[in-house]
Protein backbone atom coordinates (compact mmCIF):
# COMPACT_ATOMS: atom_id res chain seq x y z
CA MET A 1 129.53 52.17 120.07
CA ASN A 2 128.12 51.49 116.63
CA ILE A 3 127.39 54.26 114.18
CA GLU A 4 123.72 54.35 113.22
CA ILE A 5 121.49 56.65 111.23
CA LEU A 6 119.21 58.65 113.49
CA PRO A 7 115.47 58.03 113.27
CA ALA A 8 113.62 60.66 111.26
CA ARG A 9 111.70 62.04 114.25
CA LEU A 10 114.84 62.32 116.41
CA ALA A 11 116.75 64.08 113.62
CA ASN A 12 113.91 66.51 113.14
CA GLN A 13 113.68 67.17 116.86
CA ILE A 14 117.38 68.00 116.95
CA ALA A 15 116.84 70.43 114.08
CA ALA A 16 113.82 71.82 115.91
CA GLY A 17 116.12 72.85 118.74
CA GLU A 18 117.53 75.52 116.45
CA VAL A 19 114.47 76.37 114.38
CA VAL A 20 111.73 76.30 117.03
CA GLU A 21 112.76 78.31 120.06
CA ARG A 22 109.26 79.30 121.21
CA PRO A 23 105.77 79.75 119.70
CA ALA A 24 106.86 83.01 118.07
CA SER A 25 109.47 81.02 116.10
CA VAL A 26 106.73 78.79 114.70
CA VAL A 27 104.66 81.80 113.70
CA LYS A 28 107.67 83.39 112.00
CA GLU A 29 108.46 80.35 109.88
CA LEU A 30 104.86 79.75 108.83
CA VAL A 31 104.07 83.39 108.03
CA GLU A 32 107.24 83.68 105.97
CA ASN A 33 106.17 80.60 104.02
CA SER A 34 102.84 82.32 103.35
CA LEU A 35 104.61 85.42 102.08
CA ASP A 36 106.85 83.31 99.84
CA ALA A 37 103.69 81.69 98.46
CA GLY A 38 102.44 85.09 97.29
CA ALA A 39 99.71 85.52 99.90
CA THR A 40 97.98 88.90 100.15
CA ARG A 41 95.85 87.96 103.18
CA ILE A 42 97.17 86.18 106.25
CA GLN A 43 95.14 85.23 109.32
CA ILE A 44 96.98 84.22 112.50
CA GLU A 45 94.97 82.59 115.27
CA ILE A 46 96.62 81.98 118.63
CA GLU A 47 95.26 80.23 121.70
CA ARG A 48 96.87 80.38 125.13
CA GLY A 49 99.95 82.17 123.90
CA GLY A 50 100.64 79.51 121.30
CA HIS A 51 100.86 76.69 123.81
CA LYS A 52 97.59 75.15 122.69
CA LEU A 53 97.10 76.27 119.08
CA ILE A 54 98.76 78.21 116.28
CA ARG A 55 96.74 78.45 113.08
CA ILE A 56 97.99 80.28 109.98
CA ARG A 57 95.68 80.80 107.00
CA ASP A 58 96.61 82.44 103.72
CA ASN A 59 95.40 82.85 100.15
CA GLY A 60 98.74 81.96 98.58
CA SER A 61 99.54 79.61 95.73
CA GLY A 62 98.97 76.48 97.84
CA ILE A 63 100.58 73.04 97.73
CA GLY A 64 99.51 70.31 95.34
CA LYS A 65 98.36 66.87 96.53
CA GLU A 66 101.45 65.18 95.16
CA GLU A 67 103.75 67.51 97.08
CA LEU A 68 102.07 67.42 100.49
CA THR A 69 104.14 64.45 101.59
CA LEU A 70 107.36 66.11 100.51
CA ALA A 71 106.36 69.36 102.22
CA LEU A 72 106.68 67.68 105.63
CA SER A 73 110.02 66.08 104.82
CA ARG A 74 113.43 67.44 105.82
CA HIS A 75 115.35 69.52 103.32
CA ALA A 76 112.41 69.69 100.95
CA THR A 77 111.68 73.10 99.43
CA SER A 78 110.48 74.71 96.23
CA LYS A 79 112.66 77.79 96.72
CA LEU A 80 116.07 76.38 95.85
CA LYS A 81 117.13 74.17 92.96
CA SER A 82 120.88 74.68 92.64
CA LEU A 83 123.94 76.33 94.16
CA ASP A 84 123.31 79.41 92.04
CA ASP A 85 119.94 79.81 93.76
CA LEU A 86 121.67 79.62 97.15
CA GLU A 87 123.90 82.52 96.15
CA ASN A 88 120.93 84.53 94.92
CA ILE A 89 118.27 84.02 97.59
CA CYS A 90 115.20 86.16 97.04
CA SER A 91 112.79 84.27 99.30
CA LEU A 92 112.44 84.39 103.07
CA GLY A 93 112.75 80.64 103.55
CA PHE A 94 115.04 78.28 101.70
CA ARG A 95 116.35 75.53 103.99
CA GLY A 96 113.31 73.28 103.91
CA GLU A 97 113.53 72.41 107.61
CA ALA A 98 110.72 74.40 109.19
CA LEU A 99 107.68 72.17 108.57
CA ALA A 100 109.54 68.97 109.35
CA SER A 101 110.99 70.40 112.56
CA ILE A 102 107.68 71.85 113.73
CA SER A 103 105.77 68.64 112.99
CA SER A 104 108.28 66.65 115.05
CA VAL A 105 107.51 68.59 118.26
CA SER A 106 103.77 69.21 117.78
CA ARG A 107 100.61 67.89 116.21
CA LEU A 108 100.73 69.56 112.80
CA THR A 109 97.98 69.52 110.19
CA LEU A 110 98.53 70.95 106.71
CA SER A 111 95.56 71.73 104.47
CA SER A 112 96.04 73.26 101.05
CA LYS A 113 94.46 73.83 97.65
CA PRO A 114 96.15 75.42 94.61
CA LYS A 115 93.92 77.35 92.22
CA THR A 116 94.58 74.78 89.51
CA GLN A 117 93.39 71.89 91.68
CA ASP A 118 89.75 70.95 91.95
CA ALA A 119 89.80 69.68 95.53
CA ALA A 120 91.73 70.41 98.70
CA TRP A 121 93.80 67.88 100.61
CA GLN A 122 95.02 67.60 104.14
CA ALA A 123 98.23 66.03 105.44
CA PHE A 124 99.58 65.19 108.87
CA ALA A 125 102.56 63.20 110.09
CA GLU A 126 102.62 60.67 112.90
CA GLY A 127 104.45 57.58 114.01
CA ARG A 128 108.10 56.85 114.64
CA ASP A 129 109.04 57.35 111.01
CA MET A 130 106.71 60.33 110.64
CA ALA A 131 104.73 58.76 107.84
CA VAL A 132 102.50 61.35 106.17
CA GLN A 133 98.81 60.60 105.77
CA VAL A 134 96.79 62.50 103.16
CA LYS A 135 93.01 62.82 102.99
CA PRO A 136 90.54 65.13 101.24
CA VAL A 137 89.17 68.17 103.01
CA ALA A 138 87.04 71.24 102.31
CA HIS A 139 89.25 74.28 101.94
CA PRO A 140 89.39 77.44 99.80
CA ASP A 141 92.34 78.39 97.62
CA GLY A 142 95.43 78.77 99.78
CA THR A 143 96.92 76.99 102.77
CA THR A 144 96.08 76.48 106.43
CA ILE A 145 98.55 75.08 108.94
CA GLU A 146 97.51 74.10 112.46
CA VAL A 147 100.11 73.52 115.15
CA LYS A 148 98.62 72.04 118.34
CA ASP A 149 100.22 71.18 121.67
CA LEU A 150 103.68 72.55 120.96
CA PHE A 151 106.45 70.50 122.59
CA PHE A 152 103.95 67.91 123.84
CA ASN A 153 106.52 65.14 123.22
CA THR A 154 109.56 67.08 124.44
CA PRO A 155 108.85 67.99 128.08
CA ALA A 156 112.34 69.38 128.57
CA ARG A 157 111.63 72.07 126.01
CA ARG A 158 108.07 72.69 127.15
CA LYS A 159 109.09 73.62 130.69
CA PHE A 160 111.18 76.47 129.32
CA LEU A 161 108.13 78.18 127.84
CA ARG A 162 107.04 81.34 129.64
CA THR A 163 103.54 82.45 130.59
CA GLU A 164 100.84 82.79 127.97
CA LYS A 165 101.05 86.59 128.18
CA THR A 166 104.81 86.61 127.66
CA GLU A 167 104.73 84.22 124.74
CA PHE A 168 101.93 86.14 123.03
CA THR A 169 103.87 89.38 123.54
CA HIS A 170 106.70 87.86 121.52
CA ILE A 171 104.25 86.82 118.81
CA ASP A 172 102.69 90.29 118.75
CA GLU A 173 106.09 91.93 118.37
CA LEU A 174 106.97 89.53 115.58
CA ILE A 175 103.78 90.34 113.66
CA LYS A 176 104.54 94.04 113.98
CA ARG A 177 107.93 93.51 112.37
CA ILE A 178 106.43 91.38 109.61
CA ALA A 179 103.70 93.94 108.97
CA LEU A 180 106.38 96.55 108.28
CA SER A 181 108.18 94.29 105.82
CA ARG A 182 105.21 93.92 103.46
CA PHE A 183 102.82 96.85 103.23
CA ASP A 184 100.81 95.14 100.47
CA VAL A 185 99.68 92.24 102.68
CA SER A 186 96.69 92.28 105.02
CA ILE A 187 97.43 90.64 108.36
CA THR A 188 95.01 89.78 111.14
CA LEU A 189 96.14 88.51 114.54
CA THR A 190 93.72 87.01 117.06
CA HIS A 191 94.36 85.66 120.55
CA ASN A 192 91.81 83.48 122.31
CA GLU A 193 89.27 84.38 119.60
CA LYS A 194 89.73 88.14 120.08
CA VAL A 195 91.17 90.31 117.31
CA VAL A 196 94.32 91.96 118.65
CA ARG A 197 95.91 93.36 115.47
CA GLN A 198 94.49 94.09 112.07
CA TYR A 199 96.72 95.60 109.41
CA ARG A 200 95.03 96.45 106.13
CA ALA A 201 97.00 96.28 102.91
CA LYS A 202 98.60 99.51 101.68
CA THR A 203 99.27 99.07 97.99
CA ASP A 204 100.01 102.77 97.41
CA PRO A 205 103.59 103.61 98.46
CA ALA A 206 102.36 106.99 99.68
CA GLN A 207 100.24 105.17 102.28
CA ALA A 208 103.17 103.25 103.71
CA ILE A 209 103.63 105.80 106.47
CA THR A 210 100.09 104.99 107.63
CA ARG A 211 101.05 101.41 108.48
CA VAL A 212 104.36 102.58 109.97
CA ALA A 213 102.44 104.88 112.29
CA GLN A 214 99.96 102.10 113.12
CA VAL A 215 102.72 99.64 113.97
CA ALA A 216 105.54 101.76 115.34
CA GLY A 217 103.66 104.76 116.74
CA LYS A 218 102.11 108.03 115.63
CA ALA A 219 105.43 109.84 116.15
CA PHE A 220 106.66 108.45 112.82
CA ALA A 221 103.80 110.14 110.96
CA GLU A 222 104.04 113.35 112.97
CA GLN A 223 107.77 113.89 113.31
CA GLY A 224 109.50 111.16 111.32
CA LEU A 225 111.73 112.12 108.43
CA HIS A 226 111.71 109.95 105.34
CA ILE A 227 115.16 109.19 104.01
CA GLN A 228 116.01 107.86 100.54
CA SER A 229 119.61 107.25 99.59
CA GLY A 230 121.60 105.12 97.17
CA GLU A 231 121.00 103.65 93.74
CA ALA A 232 120.14 100.30 92.21
CA GLY A 233 122.18 97.55 93.86
CA LEU A 234 122.45 99.31 97.23
CA GLN A 235 119.65 101.49 98.52
CA LEU A 236 118.48 102.68 101.93
CA HIS A 237 115.11 104.14 102.75
CA GLY A 238 112.89 104.46 105.76
CA TRP A 239 111.94 106.80 108.56
CA VAL A 240 113.95 108.24 111.44
CA LEU A 241 112.69 110.10 114.51
CA PRO A 242 114.45 113.11 116.07
CA VAL A 243 117.18 112.46 118.57
CA GLY A 244 115.73 112.46 122.06
CA SER A 245 112.32 111.14 121.04
CA VAL A 246 110.61 108.99 123.64
CA ASN A 247 109.63 106.54 120.89
CA THR A 248 112.52 104.10 120.61
CA THR A 249 110.99 101.58 118.18
CA GLN A 250 113.89 100.30 116.09
CA TYR A 251 113.39 97.99 113.12
CA THR A 252 115.83 97.14 110.34
CA TYR A 253 115.30 95.09 107.18
CA VAL A 254 117.52 93.71 104.46
CA ASN A 255 115.66 92.86 101.26
CA ASN A 256 112.42 92.90 103.30
CA ARG A 257 113.86 90.37 105.74
CA MET A 258 113.75 91.21 109.46
CA MET A 259 117.22 91.86 110.79
CA ARG A 260 119.03 92.35 114.07
CA ASP A 261 122.40 92.52 112.43
CA LYS A 262 125.31 93.91 114.45
CA LEU A 263 126.94 95.67 111.50
CA ILE A 264 123.76 97.58 110.61
CA LEU A 265 123.04 98.61 114.19
CA HIS A 266 126.66 99.66 114.72
CA ALA A 267 126.57 101.90 111.65
CA ILE A 268 123.32 103.54 112.76
CA ARG A 269 124.58 104.04 116.32
CA GLN A 270 127.88 105.46 115.13
CA ALA A 271 126.10 107.95 112.87
CA PHE A 272 124.12 109.40 115.76
CA GLU A 273 127.02 109.34 118.19
CA GLU A 274 129.37 111.14 115.81
CA VAL A 275 126.93 113.98 115.28
CA SER A 276 124.86 114.28 118.45
CA GLY A 277 127.30 112.94 121.00
CA VAL A 278 124.56 110.90 122.70
CA GLN A 279 124.34 107.12 122.89
CA GLU A 280 120.57 106.88 123.14
CA LEU A 281 119.14 106.13 119.72
CA PRO A 282 115.77 107.45 118.56
CA GLY A 283 113.21 105.27 116.86
CA PHE A 284 113.78 104.25 113.25
CA VAL A 285 112.45 101.94 110.56
CA ILE A 286 115.22 101.33 108.03
CA TYR A 287 115.06 99.27 104.83
CA ILE A 288 118.19 98.21 102.98
CA ASP A 289 117.85 96.87 99.45
CA ILE A 290 120.97 95.16 98.18
CA ASP A 291 121.86 92.77 95.40
CA PRO A 292 121.12 89.29 96.84
CA ARG A 293 124.47 88.09 95.50
CA GLN A 294 126.21 90.61 97.75
CA VAL A 295 124.76 89.26 100.98
CA ASP A 296 124.73 85.84 102.65
CA VAL A 297 121.65 85.10 104.76
CA ASN A 298 122.65 81.53 105.52
CA VAL A 299 124.67 82.33 108.64
CA HIS A 300 122.08 82.18 111.45
CA PRO A 301 119.44 79.55 112.23
CA ALA A 302 116.75 82.21 112.59
CA LYS A 303 118.20 84.30 109.72
CA HIS A 304 118.41 87.37 111.96
CA GLU A 305 121.97 88.07 110.93
CA VAL A 306 123.63 88.33 107.54
CA ARG A 307 127.11 88.65 106.10
CA PHE A 308 127.83 91.30 103.52
CA HIS A 309 130.49 90.54 100.93
CA GLN A 310 131.57 94.19 101.16
CA GLY A 311 130.79 94.83 104.80
CA ARG A 312 132.86 97.98 105.12
CA LEU A 313 131.22 99.56 102.11
CA VAL A 314 127.74 98.77 103.43
CA HIS A 315 128.67 100.06 106.89
CA ASP A 316 129.96 103.38 105.56
CA PHE A 317 126.98 103.73 103.24
CA ILE A 318 124.54 103.34 106.13
CA LEU A 319 126.64 105.70 108.25
CA GLN A 320 126.57 108.50 105.69
CA ALA A 321 122.90 107.98 104.84
CA ILE A 322 121.86 108.31 108.50
CA LYS A 323 124.05 111.39 108.90
CA GLN A 324 121.90 113.05 106.28
CA VAL A 325 119.03 112.86 108.71
CA VAL A 326 121.00 114.00 111.72
CA VAL A 327 122.55 117.10 110.10
CA PRO A 328 120.42 117.88 107.04
CA LEU A 329 121.10 121.60 106.86
CA GLN A 330 124.81 121.65 107.65
CA GLY A 331 125.91 121.71 104.04
CA GLU A 332 123.51 124.56 103.23
CA PHE A 333 125.05 126.79 105.85
CA ASN A 334 128.50 125.90 104.63
CA ASN A 335 127.69 127.09 101.14
CA GLU A 336 126.16 130.29 102.45
CA ALA A 337 129.23 131.02 104.52
CA VAL A 338 131.60 130.60 101.61
CA MET A 339 129.44 132.78 99.36
CA THR A 340 129.34 135.47 102.01
CA THR A 341 133.10 135.57 102.12
CA ASP A 342 133.54 135.89 98.38
CA GLU A 343 130.82 138.43 97.75
CA HIS A 344 130.69 140.70 100.73
CA PHE A 345 134.17 141.04 102.20
CA PRO A 346 135.95 144.19 100.93
CA PRO A 347 139.71 144.07 100.29
CA PHE A 348 140.86 145.62 103.53
CA THR A 349 138.56 143.42 105.62
CA HIS A 350 139.25 140.23 103.71
CA ALA A 351 142.95 140.56 104.38
CA VAL A 352 142.37 140.50 108.10
CA HIS A 353 139.96 137.59 108.26
CA SER A 354 140.71 135.38 105.28
CA SER A 355 143.06 133.07 107.16
CA THR A 356 140.64 132.64 110.02
CA PHE A 357 137.73 131.84 107.78
CA LYS A 358 139.80 129.50 105.67
CA ASP A 359 140.40 127.31 108.69
CA GLU A 360 136.75 127.39 109.64
CA ALA A 361 135.44 126.45 106.21
CA SER A 362 138.12 123.93 105.34
CA GLY A 363 135.80 120.95 105.20
CA ASN A 364 134.95 120.23 108.81
CA PHE A 365 131.28 120.65 108.07
CA ASP A 366 130.86 119.00 104.69
CA TYR A 367 127.98 116.74 105.60
CA PRO A 368 125.92 115.79 102.59
CA LYS A 369 122.50 117.26 102.06
CA SER A 370 119.60 114.91 102.47
CA GLN A 371 116.61 114.34 100.28
CA LEU A 372 114.13 114.75 103.07
CA GLN A 373 110.56 115.93 103.35
CA PRO A 374 109.75 116.99 106.90
CA SER A 375 106.21 116.55 108.09
CA TYR A 376 104.87 118.93 110.64
CA SER A 377 101.98 118.17 112.90
CA ALA A 378 99.99 119.78 115.64
CA SER A 379 99.77 116.66 117.73
CA SER A 380 101.66 115.94 120.86
CA GLY A 381 104.52 113.78 119.66
CA SER A 382 107.78 114.45 121.43
CA SER A 383 110.98 115.44 119.80
CA GLY A 384 114.12 117.18 120.60
CA ALA A 385 117.76 116.42 120.76
CA PRO A 386 120.27 117.59 123.25
CA GLY A 387 123.53 118.90 122.04
CA ALA A 388 125.30 121.98 120.85
CA LYS A 389 128.71 122.50 119.31
CA ASN A 390 131.62 123.75 121.34
CA SER A 391 134.71 125.50 120.04
CA SER A 392 136.35 122.24 119.03
CA GLY A 393 133.46 121.28 116.76
CA GLU A 394 132.24 118.47 119.02
CA TYR A 395 128.77 118.23 120.42
CA ARG A 396 128.18 118.49 124.14
CA ALA A 397 125.21 117.51 126.22
CA PRO A 398 122.73 120.20 127.24
CA SER A 399 122.71 121.69 130.71
CA SER A 400 118.98 121.24 131.18
CA ALA A 401 117.19 117.96 130.77
CA ASN A 402 113.86 119.75 130.79
CA HIS A 403 114.46 121.23 127.35
CA GLN A 404 115.15 118.47 124.88
CA ASP A 405 116.22 120.44 121.85
CA VAL A 406 117.19 119.13 118.42
CA ASN A 407 117.38 122.57 116.89
CA ALA A 408 121.06 123.03 117.78
CA PHE A 409 122.20 120.66 115.09
CA TYR A 410 119.10 120.25 112.90
CA GLN A 411 119.30 123.89 111.97
CA GLY A 412 122.86 123.30 110.82
CA VAL A 413 124.35 126.17 112.78
CA SER A 414 128.09 126.26 113.27
CA GLU A 415 129.45 128.42 116.05
CA GLN A 416 132.78 128.59 114.29
CA HIS A 417 131.30 129.86 111.07
CA ALA A 418 129.84 132.93 112.68
CA ALA A 419 132.62 133.74 115.16
CA HIS A 420 134.62 136.14 113.01
CA PHE A 421 132.27 137.35 110.29
CA ASP A 422 132.72 141.04 109.41
CA ALA A 423 130.35 141.54 106.51
CA VAL A 424 130.46 144.71 104.44
CA ALA A 425 127.68 145.27 101.95
CA GLN A 426 127.63 146.64 98.44
CA THR A 427 131.23 146.16 97.44
CA THR A 428 132.25 145.87 93.83
CA GLN A 429 135.11 144.28 92.06
CA GLN A 430 136.56 147.73 91.34
CA ASP A 431 136.99 148.39 95.03
CA SER A 432 140.04 146.14 95.08
CA LEU A 433 142.07 148.82 93.29
CA VAL A 434 140.86 151.75 95.39
CA PRO A 435 142.78 152.92 98.48
CA LYS A 436 141.17 152.55 101.89
CA GLN A 437 140.29 156.20 102.29
CA SER A 438 138.55 156.29 98.91
CA THR A 439 136.61 153.19 99.84
CA MET A 440 135.53 154.82 103.09
CA ASN A 441 134.21 157.77 101.14
CA ARG A 442 132.29 155.62 98.68
CA VAL A 443 130.62 153.28 101.20
CA SER A 444 128.06 155.12 103.29
CA ILE A 445 127.78 152.39 105.94
CA ILE A 446 130.58 150.00 106.82
CA SER A 447 129.45 146.84 108.62
CA LEU A 448 131.61 145.55 111.42
CA ASN A 449 131.18 142.40 113.44
CA ASP A 450 128.11 141.48 115.53
CA GLY A 451 125.88 144.11 113.92
CA ASN A 452 128.07 147.09 114.70
CA CYS A 453 128.64 149.59 111.91
CA VAL A 454 130.49 152.79 111.06
CA PHE A 455 129.11 155.60 108.87
CA GLY A 456 129.95 159.15 107.97
CA ALA A 457 127.69 162.17 108.27
CA GLN A 458 128.55 165.86 108.00
CA GLN A 459 132.31 165.15 107.86
CA GLN A 460 132.11 163.17 111.05
CA LEU A 461 132.42 159.41 111.68
CA TYR A 462 129.92 157.59 113.91
CA CYS A 463 129.66 154.11 115.37
CA SER A 464 126.22 152.54 115.82
CA HIS A 465 124.32 149.23 115.69
CA PHE A 466 121.93 147.90 113.07
CA LYS A 467 119.45 146.73 115.70
CA TYR A 468 118.27 150.34 115.99
CA VAL A 469 117.02 150.35 112.38
CA LEU A 470 115.54 146.85 112.30
CA VAL A 471 112.37 147.85 114.16
CA ASP A 472 111.33 150.40 111.53
CA ASP A 473 112.17 147.96 108.74
CA TRP A 474 110.02 145.30 110.37
CA HIS A 475 107.21 147.83 110.65
CA GLU A 476 107.28 148.30 106.90
CA GLN A 477 107.25 144.54 106.31
CA ILE A 478 104.23 144.07 108.57
CA LYS A 479 102.37 146.81 106.69
CA GLU A 480 103.12 145.16 103.35
CA LEU A 481 102.81 141.46 104.25
CA GLY A 482 100.65 141.46 107.37
CA SER A 483 103.32 139.74 109.48
CA LEU A 484 107.04 139.05 109.59
CA GLU A 485 108.35 136.09 107.66
CA GLY A 486 109.04 133.00 109.73
CA LYS A 487 111.51 130.27 108.88
CA ALA A 488 110.31 126.70 109.37
CA LEU A 489 112.41 124.36 111.46
CA LEU A 490 113.36 121.16 109.79
CA LEU A 491 111.58 119.34 112.59
CA PRO A 492 109.06 120.71 115.07
CA VAL A 493 110.77 121.05 118.43
CA ARG A 494 108.94 120.26 121.65
CA VAL A 495 109.74 122.24 124.79
CA ASN A 496 108.21 121.01 128.03
CA LEU A 497 106.61 123.73 130.16
CA SER A 498 104.32 124.02 133.12
CA LYS A 499 100.61 124.41 132.57
CA GLU A 500 100.74 128.02 133.80
CA ASP A 501 103.52 128.94 131.35
CA CYS A 502 101.61 127.35 128.47
CA LEU A 503 98.53 129.42 129.31
CA LEU A 504 100.68 132.54 129.55
CA ILE A 505 102.11 132.00 126.06
CA GLU A 506 98.72 131.10 124.63
CA ALA A 507 97.31 134.43 125.82
CA GLN A 508 99.91 136.29 123.71
CA GLN A 509 99.95 133.92 120.74
CA SER A 510 98.53 136.50 118.33
CA TRP A 511 101.58 138.71 118.89
CA PHE A 512 103.93 135.78 118.25
CA THR A 513 102.19 134.96 114.96
CA LEU A 514 102.64 138.57 113.91
CA LEU A 515 106.37 138.37 114.69
CA GLY A 516 106.89 135.22 112.60
CA PHE A 517 106.50 132.45 115.20
CA GLU A 518 104.39 129.36 114.60
CA LEU A 519 103.54 127.63 117.86
CA VAL A 520 101.32 124.72 118.78
CA ILE A 521 100.45 125.05 122.45
CA GLU A 522 99.34 122.06 124.50
CA LYS A 523 98.74 121.64 128.22
CA GLN A 524 102.27 120.61 129.19
CA PHE A 525 104.45 121.68 126.26
CA VAL A 526 104.87 124.03 123.33
CA MET A 527 105.65 122.69 119.85
CA VAL A 528 107.71 125.23 117.89
CA LYS A 529 107.36 124.91 114.11
CA LYS A 530 108.63 128.30 112.91
CA LEU A 531 110.91 130.98 114.25
CA PRO A 532 111.39 134.54 112.97
CA SER A 533 114.32 134.67 110.56
CA CYS A 534 116.28 136.88 112.95
CA LEU A 535 115.89 134.34 115.81
CA TYR A 536 116.42 131.19 113.77
CA LEU A 537 119.96 130.72 115.06
CA LEU A 538 118.77 130.65 118.67
CA ASP A 539 118.30 127.38 120.48
CA VAL A 540 114.59 126.75 120.52
CA SER A 541 114.54 126.29 124.29
CA ASN A 542 116.25 129.67 124.73
CA ALA A 543 113.77 131.27 122.34
CA VAL A 544 110.86 129.91 124.39
CA ASP A 545 112.46 131.22 127.58
CA GLU A 546 112.67 134.66 125.99
CA LEU A 547 109.01 134.39 124.99
CA LEU A 548 108.05 133.65 128.58
CA SER A 549 110.04 136.61 129.84
CA ALA A 550 108.31 138.90 127.33
CA CYS A 551 104.89 137.59 128.32
CA LYS A 552 105.58 138.40 131.96
CA LYS A 553 106.49 141.99 131.01
CA SER A 554 102.96 142.51 129.63
CA LEU A 555 104.01 144.19 126.39
CA GLU A 556 100.96 145.86 124.89
CA ASN A 557 101.85 147.22 121.44
CA ILE A 558 103.72 146.16 118.32
CA GLU A 559 106.55 148.65 118.95
CA SER A 560 107.31 147.05 122.30
CA TRP A 561 107.29 143.56 120.82
CA LEU A 562 109.55 144.55 117.94
CA LYS A 563 112.03 146.18 120.30
CA TRP A 564 111.99 143.05 122.44
CA GLN A 565 112.68 140.91 119.38
CA ALA A 566 115.58 143.14 118.36
CA GLU A 567 117.14 142.71 121.80
CA CYS A 568 116.88 138.90 121.52
CA ILE A 569 118.78 138.63 118.22
CA PRO A 570 121.92 136.51 118.61
CA PRO A 571 125.17 138.07 117.33
CA ARG A 572 125.50 135.26 114.77
CA PHE A 573 122.47 136.59 112.91
CA TYR A 574 124.48 139.57 111.66
CA ALA A 575 126.82 137.19 109.83
CA SER A 576 124.02 135.36 108.02
CA ASN A 577 122.78 135.81 104.47
CA VAL A 578 119.37 136.76 105.82
CA PHE A 579 120.83 139.86 107.43
CA ILE A 580 123.03 140.61 104.42
CA THR A 581 119.88 140.81 102.30
CA GLN A 582 118.14 142.96 104.87
CA GLN A 583 121.20 145.22 105.15
CA MET A 584 121.17 145.89 101.42
CA ARG A 585 117.54 146.92 101.69
CA LEU A 586 118.32 149.21 104.63
CA GLN A 587 121.18 150.95 102.87
CA ASN A 588 118.89 151.86 100.02
CA ASN A 589 116.64 153.64 102.51
CA PRO A 590 117.77 157.27 103.00
CA GLN A 591 116.30 157.30 106.50
CA THR A 592 118.68 154.60 107.76
CA ILE A 593 121.50 157.04 108.55
CA GLU A 594 119.17 159.24 110.57
CA ARG A 595 117.93 156.26 112.58
CA LEU A 596 121.46 155.10 113.27
CA ARG A 597 122.55 158.56 114.38
CA GLU A 598 119.97 158.56 117.19
CA LYS A 599 121.98 155.96 119.10
CA ALA A 600 125.38 156.59 117.50
CA VAL A 601 128.68 157.36 119.18
CA LYS A 602 131.14 159.84 117.61
CA ILE A 603 134.56 158.59 116.62
CA GLU A 604 137.35 161.02 117.43
CA LEU A 605 139.74 160.62 114.52
CA SER A 606 142.29 162.98 116.01
CA GLN A 607 143.14 160.46 118.72
CA TYR A 608 143.78 157.68 116.20
CA LEU A 609 145.77 159.96 113.90
CA ALA A 610 147.92 161.00 116.84
CA GLN A 611 148.67 157.36 117.58
CA LEU A 612 149.63 156.72 113.98
CA ASN A 613 152.07 159.61 114.00
């Protein structure tokens, strides 16, 4: 067989096999050309799912009359001039194959007018050699491309097209992804002369979340956390939903180019799996800005995949950046725990527990803090993440699927940190040189673990619990401030309930506000935004269960509610800095000893002295 050069149309049709997969592929190539041309308004008209007509109009820079013929030729582009440009690609298109490939399998008409040109011209290709014919036409500044009868001359490809509805669904999804890549561009999508999508330009960066919510769902505006990490040359920003969210919209971009890259998705998945222990990913819209010289986009016909020159570095960067969203408060609690050890452990207590605490705070929880701004909303977006830490530091799945709770790890609570805290208040540096008995005489109340304490009164030692003095202290706070202080959750947590339970909680909501709760009650769920400081370490689902139990008891006065709240306090609270601060305030109150004595138990020293002898 003789070697011959392929006819132009046949060569273009072979190339079209890679470039033009379906009507959505045509729309992608043409819209990206419009964006590269600097368009700020793009109109996309589709008929019969793209089978019959695809029309793209823009107000970009346009194509001059002299270049219309070249525009429909293979390997003709204005975006690359040299090898250096190939290594520093800043445009969406660069191969120069799209128009030639599309025109070879359809009836393509190209109309364009640059601002510097007085008249507009129209070009179309036909014939075996695809000779381009140019004629004048009426057209505003910009470009319009019409693609009719896709695959009319390649029946083998046409029979693989799906139904009009399916093909338009692919186009619709594509436009959504493009709309999130350029917030400053207005995009209108019509199908069979009906407007389906209309995205208005958002030139203010603060309004970007508006388009994200319009495209990807309201959950991003209501519950999404904005993340910003990195510096010039490698940056990551975007929005991430709570683990367990029903919204699973997942978009990634590299230099504003749509991506389905395996390395990026693997890093994101690994970040969530390492922290939450679940494989289901929440919704996210992630943008990666990297030096174009550090990434190769010329590895996939549709440019959906890239190759990073330092792939491992990029992978680890994405991994750590996403972890900031998953465990944003972990580092804060670490710092508090270390400070508690240094400042509040007396000599004789520190000797007992220093080794234990050293193992617990040895760096197992050194997740970086995130630069996040949570947004709280009263609407009905879902959130929640299953998972709580076990003794080995790994996350386990929750026992109840009804309560999807992200609070376990978004609050940054470590079970290990609070397991062996024995905090003693008001110790000084001089105490280190004082014998134990002298220290006992100087400290009026000695704090033990889990809120237990020892104090002396009338030459007698007593053992009691701080929960008996919290109620009176809360009373004083309510008198001064009007309510107890609540601590906002990083993310609102949704707990699904029956309609009857929601009505029951709503009837007592005024009491909960007084105690420091902030609840948004809907028909089928309760959105928890704040918890009292003393209950912050509780799982949100458990806190709501306790609320329901209290509502069923029909508590009628503030004393009853405060006593109920004191009974619900988790033991870990007494190892927190919040309690340490409250304990200092209590010890300055002369009435504290008397309150503790009411429920105190005497300590018979003679028995212990006998054992020592």
